[in-house]
Amino acid sequence: MLLFSHLRTGVSAGKSAVFCFHWTWKRFLHVGTRVTMSPVRVQVEPDSKCLFDRPVTVKVEGLSPHQPVALRATLTGDKGDVFASVARYQADERGLIDLSQSASLGGDYTGVQPMGFLWALKPLKPLRRLMKRDMATPFTVHITVHGQAAGSVESTTPPLASCLHERSFLGEGVKRIPVREGRIRGTVFLPRVSELMDRFSSGDGPFPGVIDLGGTAGGLLEHRGCLLANHGFVTMVLAYFGFEDLPQNMDEFHLEYFEEALHFFQALPQVRENSIGVLGLSKGADLALSMASFLSGISAVVNVSGCYANFQCQLHYKGTTLPALKCYPEKIKVDQASGLLNFSEAYDDPRDPGCQAVVPIERASARFLFVAGEDDKVWNASLYASEAAKRLISHGKERPEVLIFPGTGHIIEPPYFPHCHSSFHKVINAPVLWGGQAESHAFAQEEAWRRIRQFFLDNLGAAGCRQSKL
């Protein structure tokens, strides 16, 4: 088990920068009777356009020595919700602020935080979660620099300088292909190829494949699978409820649906033989465990913020039924001020010897990585990860990787997504507390993403398929 207790910040270095100028008459340099006007400018290095999971460095130049300013960032989501962050800085003796070296003196993040302007974004309207729906369009971050007196997200004071920074999801050469085959509903992302291909025709590759399962939000959330494809994986984001003609509610699930999707994915010529993994978040995490335990052909599983028991509804497969971990509504805590629901103590304990909902992960031949936050307010995800590891080891299985992050909540996204402490859950039809502290959560997202990619690279080679043992 690896316990992360220290925060680290990443610094992006680059030789080039794209400068966005907002000319102001802020400083005057007198040379004899001549006056030279110096602009304040904000720049993003190494480029003002990049993939969403890539770090950048923001610099402000042309300020007066030791000038105090506020740096504000705003982003408008696909549904029109606005997210914003603001932090106070002081220029050095050269009139420079470099977020990779300069410390924020206060605001939504403090200290040296190169990417704080992004992960500290907060919704202007409460209980909104930033979710990307359209992979073809980038998120645009509007970065502005203001006099310190205008250092709030509501200020309408004209900025000293501004810049637009685009963060994309669909990388150059990555192809998005909707899947509507039989009962299967999802999206396949193919890594960069030398030329455009017809639907599922052969091309560059084959590549290791990853099936991506979301949580109780339902629908088809493609952003994680899309970003993973930029790193050389064929990915299939699989919807399993709340999308098109799939069941709209989580009444029950049939593993045969996931088996059909797995067989379809295995048959793609771009997917390397015997090199398929499954990545699941929350409810998708225990479904990933069930797939590896009952289905053949899965070599690696990543369980993010999940339980090692089946929860929410029954899971059926070939005449057998795995019951759901019981939830007791009377044990749900309700914050009287905010109305937020806290589910952390509402579920049965899967360690109970009589619990029939535990997924028999000892049957699986896949390797496992468990990722959990210690401040998860949905359930005790860190305990579940540790207990799952113990179960595997007690049955003579290879020791899994377990990453437990302090100060980290339930919704662990790819890096630089804003920390979502709470949001309105459309399925529950109520606001839900997810947990986590922004800075700790941001570090966890960055480190978890690195470790997830490395785990799949290490375990989806050509070593041969690991068969589940029924």
Protein backbone atom coordinates (compact mmCIF):
# COMPACT_ATOMS: atom_id res chain seq x y z
CA MET A 1 0.00 0.00 0.00
CA LEU A 2 1.27 3.45 -0.87
CA LEU A 3 0.09 6.33 1.31
CA PHE A 4 0.62 9.77 -0.17
CA SER A 5 1.10 12.33 2.57
CA HIS A 6 2.97 15.10 0.83
CA LEU A 7 1.76 17.35 -1.93
CA ARG A 8 3.85 17.97 -4.97
CA THR A 9 3.50 20.43 -7.76
CA GLY A 10 4.46 19.83 -11.34
CA VAL A 11 6.28 22.36 -13.44
CA SER A 12 5.91 22.40 -17.17
CA ALA A 13 8.96 23.60 -19.05
CA GLY A 14 9.02 24.71 -22.64
CA LYS A 15 11.03 26.77 -25.06
CA SER A 16 8.19 28.58 -26.72
CA ALA A 17 5.27 30.58 -25.49
CA VAL A 18 2.19 32.01 -27.07
CA PHE A 19 1.66 35.56 -25.87
CA CYS A 20 -1.75 37.12 -25.49
CA PHE A 21 -1.57 40.86 -25.06
CA HIS A 22 -3.94 43.29 -23.47
CA TRP A 23 -2.25 46.68 -23.93
CA THR A 24 -2.42 48.98 -20.95
CA TRP A 25 -0.72 52.24 -20.10
CA LYS A 26 0.39 50.88 -16.77
CA ARG A 27 4.04 51.90 -16.68
CA PHE A 28 6.01 54.76 -18.20
CA LEU A 29 9.77 54.59 -18.65
CA HIS A 30 11.26 58.09 -19.06
CA VAL A 31 14.33 58.34 -21.25
CA GLY A 32 15.17 62.06 -21.56
CA THR A 33 12.01 63.65 -22.92
CA ARG A 34 10.90 60.39 -24.57
CA VAL A 35 8.26 58.19 -22.93
CA THR A 36 8.28 54.41 -23.64
CA MET A 37 5.10 52.54 -22.76
CA SER A 38 5.46 48.93 -21.50
CA PRO A 39 2.53 46.48 -21.84
CA VAL A 40 1.39 44.03 -19.22
CA ARG A 41 0.99 40.61 -20.78
CA VAL A 42 0.02 37.13 -19.66
CA GLN A 43 1.39 34.04 -21.38
CA VAL A 44 0.87 30.30 -21.28
CA GLU A 45 3.82 27.99 -21.79
CA PRO A 46 4.66 25.88 -23.69
CA ASP A 47 1.53 26.61 -25.72
CA SER A 48 -1.83 28.27 -25.26
CA LYS A 49 -3.46 25.09 -26.63
CA CYS A 50 -2.93 21.64 -25.13
CA LEU A 51 -4.68 18.45 -24.04
CA PHE A 52 -6.64 18.72 -20.82
CA ASP A 53 -4.38 16.41 -18.81
CA ARG A 54 -1.18 18.29 -19.69
CA PRO A 55 0.41 20.79 -17.27
CA VAL A 56 1.26 24.34 -18.33
CA THR A 57 2.92 27.35 -16.78
CA VAL A 58 1.26 30.78 -16.63
CA LYS A 59 3.45 33.89 -16.54
CA VAL A 60 2.62 37.57 -16.17
CA GLU A 61 5.17 40.14 -17.37
CA GLY A 62 5.36 43.90 -17.57
CA LEU A 63 4.20 44.68 -14.05
CA SER A 64 5.86 47.16 -11.73
CA PRO A 65 8.36 45.69 -9.26
CA HIS A 66 6.48 44.07 -6.34
CA GLN A 67 3.13 45.10 -7.78
CA PRO A 68 0.20 43.23 -6.14
CA VAL A 69 -2.33 41.75 -8.56
CA ALA A 70 -5.11 39.19 -8.71
CA LEU A 71 -5.05 36.38 -11.26
CA ARG A 72 -8.50 35.18 -12.23
CA ALA A 73 -9.50 32.19 -14.37
CA THR A 74 -12.97 31.47 -15.72
CA LEU A 75 -14.30 28.51 -17.70
CA THR A 76 -17.77 27.94 -19.11
CA GLY A 77 -18.92 24.32 -19.23
CA ASP A 78 -20.81 22.65 -22.05
CA LYS A 79 -24.14 23.41 -20.35
CA GLY A 80 -23.33 27.06 -19.73
CA ASP A 81 -22.31 26.80 -16.07
CA VAL A 82 -19.46 29.16 -15.20
CA PHE A 83 -16.54 28.10 -13.02
CA ALA A 84 -14.00 30.58 -11.66
CA SER A 85 -10.92 30.85 -9.46
CA VAL A 86 -8.96 33.83 -8.16
CA ALA A 87 -5.65 34.16 -6.33
CA ARG A 88 -3.49 37.08 -5.15
CA TYR A 89 0.11 37.43 -6.27
CA GLN A 90 2.94 39.95 -5.97
CA ALA A 91 5.38 40.54 -8.80
CA ASP A 92 9.10 40.12 -8.18
CA GLU A 93 11.70 42.85 -8.61
CA ARG A 94 11.56 42.34 -12.40
CA GLY A 95 7.79 42.80 -12.53
CA LEU A 96 7.32 39.08 -13.25
CA ILE A 97 4.91 36.46 -11.87
CA ASP A 98 5.64 32.84 -12.79
CA LEU A 99 3.06 30.39 -11.39
CA SER A 100 5.68 27.62 -11.42
CA GLN A 101 7.77 29.64 -8.93
CA SER A 102 5.63 32.44 -7.49
CA ALA A 103 3.49 31.71 -4.46
CA SER A 104 -0.15 32.68 -4.27
CA LEU A 105 -0.64 34.88 -1.21
CA GLY A 106 -4.32 34.03 -0.83
CA GLY A 107 -7.56 33.29 -2.62
CA ASP A 108 -8.83 29.95 -3.86
CA TYR A 109 -5.35 28.41 -3.61
CA THR A 110 -2.15 29.35 -1.81
CA GLY A 111 1.55 28.67 -2.22
CA VAL A 112 3.31 27.62 -5.42
CA GLN A 113 0.57 25.94 -7.46
CA PRO A 114 1.32 25.97 -11.20
CA MET A 115 -2.09 24.47 -12.06
CA GLY A 116 -4.06 25.94 -9.16
CA PHE A 117 -5.89 28.34 -11.47
CA LEU A 118 -7.56 25.26 -13.01
CA TRP A 119 -8.11 22.68 -10.26
CA ALA A 120 -9.35 25.38 -7.85
CA LEU A 121 -12.18 26.45 -10.18
CA LYS A 122 -15.49 26.65 -8.36
CA PRO A 123 -19.00 26.88 -9.82
CA LEU A 124 -20.59 30.31 -9.55
CA LYS A 125 -23.89 28.50 -9.01
CA PRO A 126 -23.65 25.97 -6.19
CA LEU A 127 -23.76 22.18 -6.63
CA ARG A 128 -22.57 22.17 -10.23
CA ARG A 129 -20.01 19.62 -11.43
CA LEU A 130 -17.80 20.28 -14.45
CA MET A 131 -18.49 17.52 -16.96
CA LYS A 132 -17.33 17.39 -20.56
CA ARG A 133 -19.95 16.21 -23.05
CA ASP A 134 -18.54 17.19 -26.45
CA MET A 135 -15.10 15.69 -27.09
CA ALA A 136 -14.67 17.61 -30.35
CA THR A 137 -14.56 21.02 -28.67
CA PRO A 138 -12.04 22.27 -26.10
CA PHE A 139 -12.67 23.95 -22.80
CA THR A 140 -11.55 27.57 -23.05
CA VAL A 141 -10.05 29.13 -19.94
CA HIS A 142 -10.12 32.94 -19.81
CA ILE A 143 -7.13 34.07 -17.73
CA THR A 144 -7.12 37.70 -16.60
CA VAL A 145 -4.83 39.82 -14.45
CA HIS A 146 -6.36 42.58 -12.31
CA GLY A 147 -5.28 45.22 -9.87
CA GLN A 148 -5.56 43.73 -6.41
CA ALA A 149 -8.64 45.80 -5.61
CA ALA A 150 -10.47 43.89 -8.36
CA GLY A 151 -9.45 40.50 -7.03
CA SER A 152 -12.80 38.75 -6.85
CA VAL A 153 -14.62 36.53 -9.29
CA GLU A 154 -17.56 38.97 -9.37
CA SER A 155 -15.46 42.04 -10.21
CA THR A 156 -16.25 43.82 -13.48
CA THR A 157 -13.13 46.00 -13.42
CA PRO A 158 -11.28 45.83 -16.80
CA PRO A 159 -8.21 43.59 -16.58
CA LEU A 160 -4.61 44.70 -16.95
CA ALA A 161 -4.03 41.75 -19.27
CA SER A 162 -5.89 38.71 -20.52
CA CYS A 163 -5.35 35.49 -22.41
CA LEU A 164 -7.40 32.59 -23.76
CA HIS A 165 -6.11 29.09 -23.00
CA GLU A 166 -7.65 26.08 -24.79
CA ARG A 167 -7.62 22.59 -23.25
CA SER A 168 -8.72 19.82 -25.60
CA PHE A 169 -9.76 16.20 -25.15
CA LEU A 170 -9.57 14.66 -28.59
CA GLY A 171 -5.90 14.69 -29.58
CA GLU A 172 -4.58 15.03 -33.09
CA GLY A 173 -5.17 11.84 -35.04
CA VAL A 174 -7.37 10.22 -32.37
CA LYS A 175 -10.63 8.98 -33.83
CA ARG A 176 -13.99 8.89 -32.05
CA ILE A 177 -16.42 6.17 -33.21
CA PRO A 178 -19.93 5.80 -31.76
CA VAL A 179 -20.88 2.18 -31.05
CA ARG A 180 -24.43 0.94 -31.61
CA GLU A 181 -23.91 -2.79 -32.12
CA GLY A 182 -26.66 -5.11 -30.90
CA ARG A 183 -27.44 -4.00 -27.36
CA ILE A 184 -24.10 -2.22 -26.94
CA ARG A 185 -24.13 1.54 -26.49
CA GLY A 186 -20.85 3.37 -26.15
CA THR A 187 -17.95 5.07 -27.90
CA VAL A 188 -14.63 3.71 -29.12
CA PHE A 189 -11.57 5.96 -29.28
CA LEU A 190 -8.72 4.88 -31.54
CA PRO A 191 -5.20 6.25 -30.95
CA ARG A 192 -3.42 8.28 -33.57
CA VAL A 193 -3.19 6.57 -36.96
CA SER A 194 -1.36 7.46 -40.14
CA GLU A 195 -4.51 8.22 -42.07
CA LEU A 196 -8.26 8.27 -41.62
CA MET A 197 -9.78 4.81 -41.62
CA ASP A 198 -13.11 3.38 -42.47
CA ARG A 199 -15.12 2.18 -39.54
CA PHE A 200 -13.05 -0.42 -37.62
CA SER A 201 -10.76 -1.14 -40.59
CA SER A 202 -7.15 -2.05 -39.86
CA GLY A 203 -4.55 0.64 -39.41
CA ASP A 204 -1.64 1.43 -37.12
CA GLY A 205 -1.47 -0.76 -34.03
CA PRO A 206 -2.74 -2.99 -32.58
CA PHE A 207 -2.90 -1.28 -29.19
CA PRO A 208 -3.75 -2.36 -25.66
CA GLY A 209 -7.45 -1.85 -24.95
CA VAL A 210 -9.29 -0.41 -21.97
CA ILE A 211 -13.04 -0.51 -21.27
CA ASP A 212 -14.13 2.54 -19.24
CA LEU A 213 -17.14 2.32 -16.91
CA GLY A 214 -18.61 5.41 -15.23
CA GLY A 215 -20.57 5.59 -12.00
CA THR A 216 -24.08 6.30 -10.83
CA ALA A 217 -24.33 9.47 -12.91
CA GLY A 218 -25.24 7.15 -15.77
CA GLY A 219 -25.25 8.19 -19.40
CA LEU A 220 -22.11 8.24 -21.49
CA LEU A 221 -19.23 10.26 -20.02
CA GLU A 222 -16.42 10.07 -22.55
CA HIS A 223 -13.77 12.46 -21.22
CA ARG A 224 -11.64 9.92 -19.34
CA GLY A 225 -11.61 7.31 -22.09
CA CYS A 226 -10.89 10.00 -24.67
CA LEU A 227 -7.91 11.33 -22.73
CA LEU A 228 -6.59 7.80 -22.20
CA ALA A 229 -6.66 7.17 -25.96
CA ASN A 230 -4.24 10.06 -26.42
CA HIS A 231 -1.71 7.92 -24.53
CA GLY A 232 -1.81 5.00 -26.95
CA PHE A 233 -4.76 2.90 -25.74
CA VAL A 234 -7.82 1.85 -27.69
CA THR A 235 -10.64 2.71 -25.30
CA MET A 236 -14.33 1.91 -25.23
CA VAL A 237 -16.49 4.05 -22.98
CA LEU A 238 -19.44 1.80 -22.20
CA ALA A 239 -22.84 3.13 -21.15
CA TYR A 240 -24.94 0.76 -19.06
CA PHE A 241 -27.95 2.80 -17.95
CA GLY A 242 -29.52 6.20 -18.47
CA PHE A 243 -28.54 6.44 -22.14
CA GLU A 244 -30.69 6.22 -25.27
CA ASP A 245 -32.62 2.90 -25.21
CA LEU A 246 -30.75 1.41 -22.25
CA PRO A 247 -32.62 1.08 -18.93
CA GLN A 248 -33.07 4.52 -17.43
CA ASN A 249 -32.68 3.42 -13.82
CA MET A 250 -30.43 1.10 -11.83
CA ASP A 251 -33.09 -1.52 -11.10
CA GLU A 252 -30.91 -4.51 -11.99
CA PHE A 253 -27.97 -5.32 -14.23
CA HIS A 254 -27.13 -8.37 -16.33
CA LEU A 255 -23.49 -9.23 -16.78
CA GLU A 256 -24.30 -10.69 -20.21
CA TYR A 257 -24.51 -7.10 -21.49
CA PHE A 258 -20.94 -6.43 -20.37
CA GLU A 259 -19.85 -9.79 -21.79
CA GLU A 260 -21.30 -8.84 -25.17
CA ALA A 261 -19.41 -5.55 -25.05
CA LEU A 262 -16.19 -7.34 -24.10
CA HIS A 263 -16.50 -9.76 -27.05
CA PHE A 264 -17.17 -6.86 -29.40
CA PHE A 265 -14.10 -5.03 -28.10
CA GLN A 266 -11.90 -8.13 -28.35
CA ALA A 267 -12.84 -8.51 -32.01
CA LEU A 268 -11.63 -5.04 -33.03
CA PRO A 269 -8.51 -5.35 -35.16
CA GLN A 270 -6.97 -2.34 -33.45
CA VAL A 271 -7.07 -4.07 -30.04
CA ARG A 272 -4.02 -6.14 -29.21
CA GLU A 273 -4.83 -9.76 -28.45
CA ASN A 274 -4.83 -10.71 -24.76
CA SER A 275 -4.36 -7.06 -23.73
CA ILE A 276 -7.65 -5.75 -22.35
CA GLY A 277 -8.16 -3.88 -19.10
CA VAL A 278 -11.18 -2.37 -17.37
CA LEU A 279 -11.28 0.98 -15.59
CA GLY A 280 -14.24 1.75 -13.34
CA LEU A 281 -15.26 4.62 -11.06
CA SER A 282 -17.67 4.16 -8.13
CA LYS A 283 -20.45 1.80 -9.33
CA GLY A 284 -18.39 1.16 -12.46
CA ALA A 285 -15.56 0.01 -10.20
CA ASP A 286 -17.46 -2.93 -8.69
CA LEU A 287 -18.79 -3.81 -12.14
CA ALA A 288 -15.17 -3.93 -13.32
CA LEU A 289 -14.41 -6.39 -10.50
CA SER A 290 -17.40 -8.53 -11.51
CA MET A 291 -16.31 -8.57 -15.15
CA ALA A 292 -12.84 -9.80 -14.20
CA SER A 293 -14.28 -12.38 -11.80
CA PHE A 294 -16.84 -13.96 -14.12
CA LEU A 295 -15.69 -13.21 -17.67
CA SER A 296 -12.62 -14.41 -19.56
CA GLY A 297 -10.21 -12.14 -21.36
CA ILE A 298 -9.48 -9.36 -18.86
CA SER A 299 -5.85 -8.87 -17.83
CA ALA A 300 -5.93 -5.73 -15.67
CA VAL A 301 -8.53 -3.88 -13.57
CA VAL A 302 -8.43 -0.41 -12.03
CA ASN A 303 -10.97 0.21 -9.28
CA VAL A 304 -11.36 3.94 -8.49
CA SER A 305 -13.38 4.91 -5.39
CA GLY A 306 -15.20 1.60 -5.52
CA CYS A 307 -16.36 -1.15 -3.20
CA TYR A 308 -15.42 -4.81 -3.45
CA ALA A 309 -19.08 -5.72 -3.04
CA ASN A 310 -21.87 -5.30 -5.57
CA PHE A 311 -24.00 -2.31 -4.61
CA GLN A 312 -27.12 -0.42 -5.64
CA CYS A 313 -28.92 -3.28 -7.43
CA GLN A 314 -28.77 -6.99 -8.15
CA LEU A 315 -26.33 -8.34 -10.73
CA HIS A 316 -27.44 -11.40 -12.72
CA TYR A 317 -25.31 -13.78 -14.77
CA LYS A 318 -26.24 -17.15 -16.25
CA GLY A 319 -28.95 -17.94 -13.74
CA THR A 320 -27.07 -16.75 -10.66
CA THR A 321 -27.62 -13.50 -8.80
CA LEU A 322 -25.24 -11.36 -6.79
CA PRO A 323 -27.34 -9.36 -4.32
CA ALA A 324 -26.77 -5.68 -3.65
CA LEU A 325 -25.01 -4.32 -0.59
CA LYS A 326 -27.82 -2.99 1.56
CA CYS A 327 -28.26 0.75 2.08
CA TYR A 328 -30.23 2.04 5.05
CA PRO A 329 -31.91 5.39 4.31
CA GLU A 330 -32.25 6.14 8.02
CA LYS A 331 -28.44 6.12 8.29
CA ILE A 332 -27.97 8.78 5.63
CA LYS A 333 -26.77 11.98 7.27
CA VAL A 334 -28.33 15.25 6.13
CA ASP A 335 -26.56 18.55 6.70
CA GLN A 336 -29.23 20.87 8.02
CA ALA A 337 -27.64 24.02 6.56
CA SER A 338 -26.87 22.79 3.03
CA GLY A 339 -29.15 19.77 2.65
CA LEU A 340 -26.19 17.67 1.48
CA LEU A 341 -26.56 13.91 1.82
CA ASN A 342 -23.69 12.00 3.41
CA PHE A 343 -23.85 8.26 2.65
CA SER A 344 -20.59 7.31 4.39
CA GLU A 345 -22.31 5.27 7.14
CA ALA A 346 -25.43 4.14 5.29
CA TYR A 347 -24.24 0.82 3.84
CA ASP A 348 -23.84 -2.65 5.26
CA ASP A 349 -20.28 -3.63 6.16
CA PRO A 350 -19.00 -5.96 3.42
CA ARG A 351 -16.60 -7.45 5.99
CA ASP A 352 -19.56 -9.09 7.70
CA PRO A 353 -19.11 -12.87 7.18
CA GLY A 354 -22.77 -13.10 6.21
CA CYS A 355 -22.53 -10.50 3.43
CA GLN A 356 -23.55 -12.14 0.15
CA ALA A 357 -22.86 -9.09 -2.01
CA VAL A 358 -19.05 -9.43 -2.03
CA VAL A 359 -17.66 -9.93 -5.53
CA PRO A 360 -15.60 -13.16 -5.67
CA ILE A 361 -12.48 -11.40 -6.93
CA GLU A 362 -10.36 -14.40 -5.95
CA ARG A 363 -11.73 -16.10 -9.08
CA ALA A 364 -10.16 -13.47 -11.33
CA SER A 365 -6.77 -13.87 -12.95
CA ALA A 366 -6.36 -10.18 -13.69
CA ARG A 367 -3.99 -7.88 -11.87
CA PHE A 368 -5.60 -5.15 -9.79
CA LEU A 369 -5.00 -1.52 -8.90
CA PHE A 370 -7.21 0.08 -6.22
CA VAL A 371 -7.36 3.89 -5.96
CA ALA A 372 -9.14 5.49 -3.01
CA GLY A 373 -9.42 8.71 -1.03
CA GLU A 374 -9.39 8.87 2.75
CA ASP A 375 -12.01 11.62 2.77
CA ASP A 376 -14.52 9.80 0.55
CA LYS A 377 -17.97 10.70 1.93
CA VAL A 378 -19.87 8.13 -0.11
CA TRP A 379 -18.29 5.23 1.75
CA ASN A 380 -15.04 4.11 3.30
CA ALA A 381 -13.26 3.60 -0.01
CA SER A 382 -9.79 3.37 1.55
CA LEU A 383 -10.94 0.57 3.86
CA TYR A 384 -12.60 -1.24 0.97
CA ALA A 385 -9.38 -1.06 -1.06
CA SER A 386 -7.37 -2.49 1.81
CA GLU A 387 -9.89 -5.25 2.46
CA ALA A 388 -10.01 -6.22 -1.21
CA ALA A 389 -6.23 -6.52 -1.20
CA LYS A 390 -6.38 -8.73 1.90
CA ARG A 391 -8.98 -10.95 0.27
CA LEU A 392 -6.84 -11.48 -2.82
CA ILE A 393 -3.71 -12.20 -0.81
CA SER A 394 -5.54 -14.61 1.50
CA HIS A 395 -6.51 -16.66 -1.56
CA GLY A 396 -2.94 -16.85 -2.79
CA LYS A 397 -3.34 -14.16 -5.43
CA GLU A 398 -0.68 -11.68 -6.44
CA ARG A 399 -0.55 -8.64 -4.17
CA PRO A 400 -2.50 -5.82 -5.85
CA GLU A 401 -1.42 -2.22 -6.04
CA VAL A 402 -3.27 0.02 -3.58
CA LEU A 403 -3.07 3.81 -3.69
CA ILE A 404 -4.68 5.66 -0.81
CA PHE A 405 -4.66 9.45 -0.84
CA PRO A 406 -5.31 11.65 2.22
CA GLY A 407 -7.69 14.59 1.89
CA THR A 408 -9.19 13.05 -1.24
CA GLY A 409 -12.89 12.61 -1.95
CA HIS A 410 -14.97 10.26 -4.07
CA ILE A 411 -14.87 11.76 -7.57
CA ILE A 412 -11.27 11.21 -8.67
CA GLU A 413 -11.04 12.61 -12.21
CA PRO A 414 -8.13 12.98 -14.65
CA PRO A 415 -5.70 15.72 -13.60
CA TYR A 416 -6.68 19.38 -13.39
CA PHE A 417 -10.42 18.78 -13.32
CA PRO A 418 -11.81 21.05 -10.60
CA HIS A 419 -12.30 19.35 -7.27
CA CYS A 420 -15.97 18.45 -6.87
CA HIS A 421 -16.75 18.55 -3.16
CA SER A 422 -20.52 18.23 -3.63
CA SER A 423 -23.03 18.35 -6.45
CA PHE A 424 -26.63 17.67 -7.34
CA HIS A 425 -27.13 14.00 -8.24
CA LYS A 426 -29.80 13.64 -10.92
CA VAL A 427 -30.49 9.96 -10.17
CA ILE A 428 -30.92 10.49 -6.43
CA ASN A 429 -32.56 13.87 -7.12
CA ALA A 430 -30.72 15.45 -4.20
CA PRO A 431 -27.39 17.17 -3.43
CA VAL A 432 -24.65 14.71 -2.44
CA LEU A 433 -21.46 15.24 -0.45
CA TRP A 434 -18.44 13.69 -2.19
CA GLY A 435 -15.68 14.89 0.16
CA GLY A 436 -12.06 15.93 -0.24
CA GLN A 437 -9.98 19.10 0.15
CA ALA A 438 -9.12 20.88 -3.08
CA GLU A 439 -5.30 20.90 -2.88
CA SER A 440 -4.96 17.31 -1.65
CA HIS A 441 -7.55 16.11 -4.13
CA ALA A 442 -5.74 17.84 -7.00
CA PHE A 443 -2.49 16.08 -6.16
CA ALA A 444 -4.29 12.74 -5.95
CA GLN A 445 -5.85 13.19 -9.39
CA GLU A 446 -2.50 13.97 -10.98
CA GLU A 447 -0.65 11.10 -9.30
CA ALA A 448 -3.47 8.58 -9.78
CA TRP A 449 -3.67 9.36 -13.50
CA ARG A 450 0.06 8.74 -13.89
CA ARG A 451 -0.11 5.48 -11.96
CA ILE A 452 -3.22 4.24 -13.81
CA ARG A 453 -1.57 4.74 -17.19
CA GLN A 454 1.61 3.05 -16.03
CA PHE A 455 -0.36 0.14 -14.54
CA PHE A 456 -2.11 -0.53 -17.84
CA LEU A 457 1.16 -0.24 -19.77
CA ASP A 458 2.82 -2.72 -17.41
CA ASN A 459 0.01 -5.27 -17.49
CA LEU A 460 -1.45 -5.11 -20.99
CA GLY A 461 1.58 -6.40 -22.85
CA ALA A 462 1.80 -9.46 -25.04
CA ALA A 463 2.21 -11.85 -22.11
CA GLY A 464 -0.96 -13.79 -22.79
CA CYS A 465 -4.51 -13.56 -21.61
CA ARG A 466 -5.37 -14.22 -18.00
CA GLN A 467 -8.45 -16.45 -17.73
CA SER A 468 -11.02 -16.05 -14.99
CA LYS A 469 -11.74 -19.17 -12.94
CA LEU A 470 -15.43 -19.86 -12.51
